[in-house]
């Protein structure tokens, strides 16, 4: 089969570890991939979906193999992008705003008004962490405010210090339990008087001597200083309408993630939270043949840079093999 003129073999949508790893593998397989890394807009900045993904918003990354001294998140992503470009990946700094997966080749429309056709597509748009929406919270992001205990919990500023976790589901219970490895104390702030987490998770976290639940309460303000970052949080008791301050060097928002799948408009199977459902858990295939998904957009469980990168590799290999089977080289 001869590739029709003007049809890309592979388009990758996204700009994090999954996207760049996929691009590296795809480019080395001579698929000449195109990466839509996202547009430089205020909306994307507020959502945390600017080019280079969520890692571009972090500081030190200590758990990515190959960097024993750690590496800054933006540097890791820029290196990954440069590596993809080295092998011929073409990068477009726009969002994909609309897709048509009902016809082949697939049709995609970007934020500049351009239309692109592709035989295969990899969705690697990630998932945005949900935050409380406080101005003070946004001010101290990456200076004590985080949404990932596994990513940041071992950093020096959190070790042997009191920390606050906000949330009441399994994610909050897991984050709080994990942080007890490093923190002197973990305050678990929840709006109700009982966790929504599964019974086994709730029992485990509440049985930990380092965890103190703060029931029927909500964070009103994140407190901090310019140089020190977070120094505490102001809590409001929702029933008694009383305020208290908890001294802490960090606050972890554990109220879930929202996968960046709105632009798909329901054309791929997703779960009840919007994460793309993989048809074979060992692969990256979606409900539409020729469309693959990698990284946090299809991973409600791990949400790590290294697992996203691994999925990006798998997506490139899956796409290459699928294209070869279709006679598209």
Protein backbone atom coordinates (compact mmCIF):
# COMPACT_ATOMS: atom_id res chain seq x y z
CA UNK A 1 0.00 0.00 0.00
CA UNK A 2 1.41 3.40 -0.97
CA UNK A 3 0.98 6.16 1.56
CA UNK A 4 -1.44 8.79 0.15
CA UNK A 5 0.07 12.22 -0.33
CA UNK A 6 -0.29 14.54 2.65
CA UNK A 7 -1.15 11.81 5.16
CA UNK A 8 1.17 11.46 8.14
CA UNK A 9 2.12 7.98 9.30
CA UNK A 10 1.96 8.93 12.97
CA UNK A 11 0.79 11.95 14.93
CA UNK A 12 1.54 12.10 18.67
CA UNK A 13 -0.57 14.44 20.79
CA UNK A 14 1.07 15.53 24.03
CA UNK A 15 4.28 16.86 25.46
CA UNK A 16 5.35 14.82 28.48
CA UNK A 17 7.53 11.73 29.01
CA UNK A 18 5.09 9.47 27.14
CA UNK A 19 4.99 11.74 24.10
CA UNK A 20 8.75 12.32 23.75
CA UNK A 21 9.65 8.68 24.38
CA UNK A 22 7.09 7.63 21.80
CA UNK A 23 8.54 10.16 19.35
CA UNK A 24 12.11 8.92 19.92
CA UNK A 25 11.16 5.32 19.18
CA UNK A 26 8.88 6.24 16.28
CA UNK A 27 11.46 8.51 14.66
CA UNK A 28 14.16 5.84 14.91
CA UNK A 29 11.72 3.43 13.23
CA UNK A 30 11.48 5.87 10.29
CA UNK A 31 7.85 6.79 10.97
CA UNK A 32 8.70 10.50 10.67
CA UNK A 33 6.34 11.40 13.53
CA UNK A 34 4.69 14.74 14.21
CA UNK A 35 4.28 15.83 17.82
CA UNK A 36 1.63 18.38 18.77
CA UNK A 37 3.17 19.66 21.99
CA UNK A 38 0.42 22.14 22.93
CA UNK A 39 -0.07 25.86 22.49
CA UNK A 40 1.52 28.66 24.50
CA UNK A 41 -1.75 30.02 25.92
CA UNK A 42 -2.86 31.37 29.29
CA UNK A 43 -5.54 28.66 29.45
CA UNK A 44 -2.89 25.95 29.10
CA UNK A 45 -0.73 27.65 31.72
CA UNK A 46 -3.57 27.62 34.24
CA UNK A 47 -4.39 23.98 33.48
CA UNK A 48 -0.74 22.92 33.63
CA UNK A 49 -0.82 21.76 30.01
CA UNK A 50 1.82 23.98 28.44
CA UNK A 51 4.50 22.38 26.21
CA UNK A 52 6.77 19.92 28.08
CA UNK A 53 3.92 18.81 30.34
CA UNK A 54 3.59 18.64 34.12
CA UNK A 55 7.28 17.93 34.65
CA UNK A 56 8.00 21.38 33.27
CA UNK A 57 6.23 22.72 36.36
CA UNK A 58 8.28 20.71 38.85
CA UNK A 59 11.68 21.42 40.33
CA UNK A 60 13.90 18.52 41.33
CA UNK A 61 13.21 15.05 39.90
CA UNK A 62 15.10 12.47 41.94
CA UNK A 63 13.45 9.22 40.88
CA UNK A 64 14.07 9.11 37.11
CA UNK A 65 16.76 6.48 36.36
CA UNK A 66 20.06 7.71 35.00
CA UNK A 67 20.29 10.92 37.03
CA UNK A 68 21.83 9.95 40.40
CA UNK A 69 22.17 13.58 41.42
CA UNK A 70 18.63 14.39 40.33
CA UNK A 71 17.57 16.61 37.45
CA UNK A 72 15.24 19.57 37.10
CA UNK A 73 11.90 18.66 35.55
CA UNK A 74 12.12 21.26 32.74
CA UNK A 75 15.65 20.10 31.85
CA UNK A 76 14.57 16.46 31.69
CA UNK A 77 11.72 17.31 29.35
CA UNK A 78 13.81 19.61 27.16
CA UNK A 79 16.48 16.93 26.81
CA UNK A 80 13.79 14.43 25.85
CA UNK A 81 12.38 16.80 23.26
CA UNK A 82 15.83 17.48 21.78
CA UNK A 83 16.50 13.75 21.61
CA UNK A 84 13.24 13.23 19.69
CA UNK A 85 14.10 16.09 17.32
CA UNK A 86 17.58 14.68 16.77
CA UNK A 87 16.03 11.69 15.04
CA UNK A 88 13.74 13.80 12.86
CA UNK A 89 10.60 14.36 14.93
CA UNK A 90 8.67 17.41 13.77
CA UNK A 91 7.16 19.49 16.58
CA UNK A 92 4.12 21.77 16.24
CA UNK A 93 3.38 24.17 19.11
CA UNK A 94 -0.42 24.04 18.86
CA UNK A 95 -3.24 22.15 20.53
CA UNK A 96 -5.28 19.51 18.77
CA UNK A 97 -8.81 20.77 19.31
CA UNK A 98 -10.87 18.32 17.29
CA UNK A 99 -10.47 14.79 15.96
CA UNK A 100 -12.42 12.54 13.62
CA UNK A 101 -11.70 8.89 14.23
CA UNK A 102 -14.74 7.67 12.32
CA UNK A 103 -13.02 7.82 8.92
CA UNK A 104 -9.59 6.75 7.68
CA UNK A 105 -7.17 8.32 7.48
CA UNK A 106 -7.97 10.14 10.70
CA UNK A 107 -8.52 13.89 10.61
CA UNK A 108 -7.25 16.28 13.28
CA UNK A 109 -7.74 20.04 13.55
CA UNK A 110 -5.36 22.25 15.50
CA UNK A 111 -5.66 25.56 17.32
CA UNK A 112 -4.18 27.43 14.36
CA UNK A 113 -7.04 26.24 12.16
CA UNK A 114 -4.97 23.69 10.26
CA UNK A 115 -6.17 20.21 9.34
CA UNK A 116 -3.84 17.21 9.41
CA UNK A 117 -4.51 13.64 8.35
CA UNK A 118 -2.85 10.62 9.92
CA UNK A 119 -2.91 6.84 9.60
CA UNK A 120 -2.10 6.34 13.29
CA UNK A 121 -2.45 8.56 16.36
CA UNK A 122 -1.01 8.33 19.87
CA UNK A 123 -2.90 10.15 22.62
CA UNK A 124 -0.38 11.22 25.28
CA UNK A 125 -2.05 14.35 26.65
CA UNK A 126 -1.63 13.44 30.32
CA UNK A 127 -3.87 14.21 33.27
CA UNK A 128 -3.98 17.44 35.22
CA UNK A 129 -3.85 17.24 39.00
CA UNK A 130 -6.86 18.73 40.72
CA UNK A 131 -6.06 21.54 43.13
CA UNK A 132 -8.21 23.46 45.59
CA UNK A 133 -8.20 26.60 43.46
CA UNK A 134 -6.80 28.94 46.12
CA UNK A 135 -4.66 31.87 45.05
CA UNK A 136 -2.24 31.16 47.90
CA UNK A 137 -2.03 27.52 46.80
CA UNK A 138 -1.04 28.52 43.28
CA UNK A 139 1.55 30.93 44.69
CA UNK A 140 3.44 28.13 46.47
CA UNK A 141 3.18 25.36 43.88
CA UNK A 142 6.54 23.57 43.83
CA UNK A 143 7.56 25.57 46.90
CA UNK A 144 5.79 23.30 49.33
CA UNK A 145 2.52 22.70 47.48
CA UNK A 146 2.42 19.47 45.50
CA UNK A 147 -0.04 16.95 44.10
CA UNK A 148 2.31 13.98 44.03
CA UNK A 149 3.79 12.47 47.20
CA UNK A 150 5.74 9.82 45.30
CA UNK A 151 7.29 12.52 43.11
CA UNK A 152 8.16 15.01 45.84
CA UNK A 153 7.80 13.42 49.27
CA UNK A 154 11.47 12.53 49.66
CA UNK A 155 12.69 16.07 48.96
CA UNK A 156 14.72 17.65 51.78
CA UNK A 157 12.12 20.31 52.59
CA UNK A 158 9.60 17.62 53.60
CA UNK A 159 11.87 15.33 55.62
CA UNK A 160 11.19 15.17 59.36
CA UNK A 161 8.67 17.98 59.04
CA UNK A 162 4.90 18.17 59.59
CA UNK A 163 2.92 17.92 56.34
CA UNK A 164 -0.71 18.36 55.32
CA UNK A 165 -2.62 16.11 52.92
CA UNK A 166 -6.00 17.28 51.64
CA UNK A 167 -8.59 14.73 50.53
CA UNK A 168 -10.59 11.74 51.69
CA UNK A 169 -10.40 9.10 48.96
CA UNK A 170 -7.97 6.30 48.21
CA UNK A 171 -5.50 8.78 46.68
CA UNK A 172 -5.43 10.84 49.88
CA UNK A 173 -5.02 7.73 52.04
CA UNK A 174 -2.19 6.48 49.84
CA UNK A 175 -0.45 9.86 49.77
CA UNK A 176 -0.71 10.27 53.53
CA UNK A 177 0.58 6.74 54.18
CA UNK A 178 3.48 7.25 51.80
CA UNK A 179 4.45 10.57 53.37
CA UNK A 180 4.77 9.01 56.82
CA UNK A 181 8.05 7.54 55.55
CA UNK A 182 9.51 11.04 55.55
CA UNK A 183 7.34 13.40 57.60
CA UNK A 184 7.39 13.87 61.35
CA UNK A 185 3.59 14.09 61.25
CA UNK A 186 0.89 14.05 58.56
CA UNK A 187 -2.36 15.98 59.02
CA UNK A 188 -5.11 14.49 56.83
CA UNK A 189 -7.66 17.23 56.18
CA UNK A 190 -11.10 16.08 55.00
CA UNK A 191 -14.42 17.89 54.60
CA UNK A 192 -16.39 15.06 56.21
CA UNK A 193 -16.07 13.01 59.39
CA UNK A 194 -15.27 9.79 57.56
CA UNK A 195 -12.92 8.94 54.70
CA UNK A 196 -14.35 7.98 51.32
CA UNK A 197 -11.39 5.67 50.81
CA UNK A 198 -11.90 1.91 50.62
CA UNK A 199 -12.20 0.40 54.13
CA UNK A 200 -8.80 -1.29 54.01
CA UNK A 201 -7.05 1.93 52.91
CA UNK A 202 -8.91 4.00 55.50
CA UNK A 203 -8.06 1.58 58.31
CA UNK A 204 -4.41 1.47 57.29
CA UNK A 205 -3.87 5.22 57.20
CA UNK A 206 -5.83 5.97 60.37
CA UNK A 207 -3.94 3.26 62.26
CA UNK A 208 -0.64 4.97 61.48
CA UNK A 209 0.61 6.80 64.56
CA UNK A 210 2.04 9.60 62.43
CA UNK A 211 -1.33 10.44 60.84
CA UNK A 212 -3.76 12.83 62.51
CA UNK A 213 -7.14 13.24 60.79
CA UNK A 214 -8.60 16.74 60.72
CA UNK A 215 -12.31 16.08 60.21
CA UNK A 216 -15.06 18.37 58.86
CA UNK A 217 -12.44 20.86 57.76
CA UNK A 218 -11.25 22.68 54.68
CA UNK A 219 -8.10 24.61 53.79
CA UNK A 220 -8.82 28.32 53.60
CA UNK A 221 -5.30 29.55 52.88
CA UNK A 222 -1.79 28.26 52.33
CA UNK A 223 0.68 30.22 54.44
CA UNK A 224 4.28 30.82 53.51
CA UNK A 225 7.23 33.10 52.99
CA UNK A 226 8.98 34.15 49.81
CA UNK A 227 12.22 32.35 50.54
CA UNK A 228 11.03 29.47 52.73
CA UNK A 229 7.94 28.54 50.75
CA UNK A 230 5.08 26.91 52.66
CA UNK A 231 5.13 27.36 56.44
CA UNK A 232 1.59 26.23 57.26
CA UNK A 233 -2.07 26.14 56.30
CA UNK A 234 -5.12 27.91 57.70
CA UNK A 235 -7.96 25.45 58.29
CA UNK A 236 -11.67 26.16 58.76
CA UNK A 237 -13.86 23.77 60.75
CA UNK A 238 -17.00 23.58 58.63
CA UNK A 239 -19.42 22.78 61.46
CA UNK A 240 -18.08 25.05 64.18
CA UNK A 241 -16.93 27.80 61.79
CA UNK A 242 -13.67 28.06 63.70
CA UNK A 243 -10.23 28.73 62.21
CA UNK A 244 -6.92 27.13 63.16
CA UNK A 245 -3.41 27.18 61.78
CA UNK A 246 -1.38 24.03 61.22
CA UNK A 247 2.36 24.53 60.96
CA UNK A 248 3.72 22.52 58.04
CA UNK A 249 6.41 22.76 55.37
CA UNK A 250 4.20 21.21 52.72
CA UNK A 251 0.64 20.69 51.54
CA UNK A 252 -0.27 17.83 49.21
CA UNK A 253 -3.53 18.09 47.26
CA UNK A 254 -4.88 14.55 46.85
CA UNK A 255 -8.25 15.19 45.28
CA UNK A 256 -7.71 13.33 42.06
CA UNK A 257 -6.65 14.00 38.48
CA UNK A 258 -8.60 15.06 35.42
CA UNK A 259 -7.38 13.37 32.22
CA UNK A 260 -6.97 15.73 29.29
CA UNK A 261 -9.45 13.99 26.99
CA UNK A 262 -12.11 16.62 26.42
CA UNK A 263 -10.97 17.22 22.83
CA UNK A 264 -11.76 13.58 21.98
CA UNK A 265 -15.49 14.29 22.39
CA UNK A 266 -16.28 10.73 23.38
CA UNK A 267 -14.74 9.10 20.31
CA UNK A 268 -12.61 6.77 22.42
CA UNK A 269 -13.82 4.56 25.25
CA UNK A 270 -13.03 6.13 28.62
CA UNK A 271 -13.80 5.17 32.19
CA UNK A 272 -16.12 7.11 34.49
CA UNK A 273 -13.33 9.59 35.30
CA UNK A 274 -12.36 10.18 31.68
CA UNK A 275 -9.20 8.07 31.46
CA UNK A 276 -8.75 6.31 28.12
CA UNK A 277 -9.50 2.59 28.47
CA UNK A 278 -6.83 0.33 27.01
CA UNK A 279 -8.33 -2.67 25.23
CA UNK A 280 -5.41 -4.89 26.23
CA UNK A 281 -3.79 -3.93 29.56
CA UNK A 282 -0.42 -5.16 28.27
CA UNK A 283 -0.57 -2.91 25.22
CA UNK A 284 -1.59 0.64 24.31
CA UNK A 285 -4.52 -0.15 22.01
CA UNK A 286 -7.73 1.84 22.41
CA UNK A 287 -11.31 1.26 21.28
CA UNK A 288 -10.42 2.62 17.81
CA UNK A 289 -7.99 0.58 15.74
CA UNK A 290 -4.94 2.68 14.87
CA UNK A 291 -5.35 4.99 17.85
CA UNK A 292 -3.07 4.32 20.82
CA UNK A 293 -2.78 5.92 24.26
CA UNK A 294 0.17 6.32 26.60
CA UNK A 295 1.02 7.97 29.89
CA UNK A 296 -1.23 9.49 32.52
CA UNK A 297 -4.13 9.95 30.10
CA UNK A 298 -4.56 6.16 30.22
CA UNK A 299 -3.09 5.50 33.66
CA UNK A 300 -5.24 6.32 36.71
CA UNK A 301 -3.02 4.17 38.94
CA UNK A 302 0.70 4.98 38.75
CA UNK A 303 0.98 8.48 37.25
CA UNK A 304 4.80 8.53 37.22
CA UNK A 305 7.21 9.94 34.64
CA UNK A 306 8.99 6.61 34.24
CA UNK A 307 5.78 4.61 33.72
CA UNK A 308 4.60 7.22 31.21
CA UNK A 309 7.89 6.94 29.33
CA UNK A 310 7.57 3.15 29.26
CA UNK A 311 4.05 3.43 27.87
CA UNK A 312 5.31 5.87 25.25
CA UNK A 313 7.82 3.27 24.11
CA UNK A 314 5.08 0.64 23.92
CA UNK A 315 2.80 2.98 21.96
CA UNK A 316 5.50 3.62 19.34
CA UNK A 317 6.14 -0.11 18.94
CA UNK A 318 2.43 -0.88 18.80
CA UNK A 319 1.88 1.83 16.19
CA UNK A 320 4.86 0.75 14.10
CA UNK A 321 3.71 -2.87 14.05
CA UNK A 322 0.13 -1.89 13.26
CA UNK A 323 1.24 0.36 10.38
CA UNK A 324 3.51 -2.39 9.03
CA UNK A 325 0.63 -4.87 9.13
CA UNK A 326 -1.41 -2.39 7.08
CA UNK A 327 1.42 -2.08 4.55
CA UNK A 328 2.22 1.51 5.49
CA UNK A 329 6.00 1.98 5.65
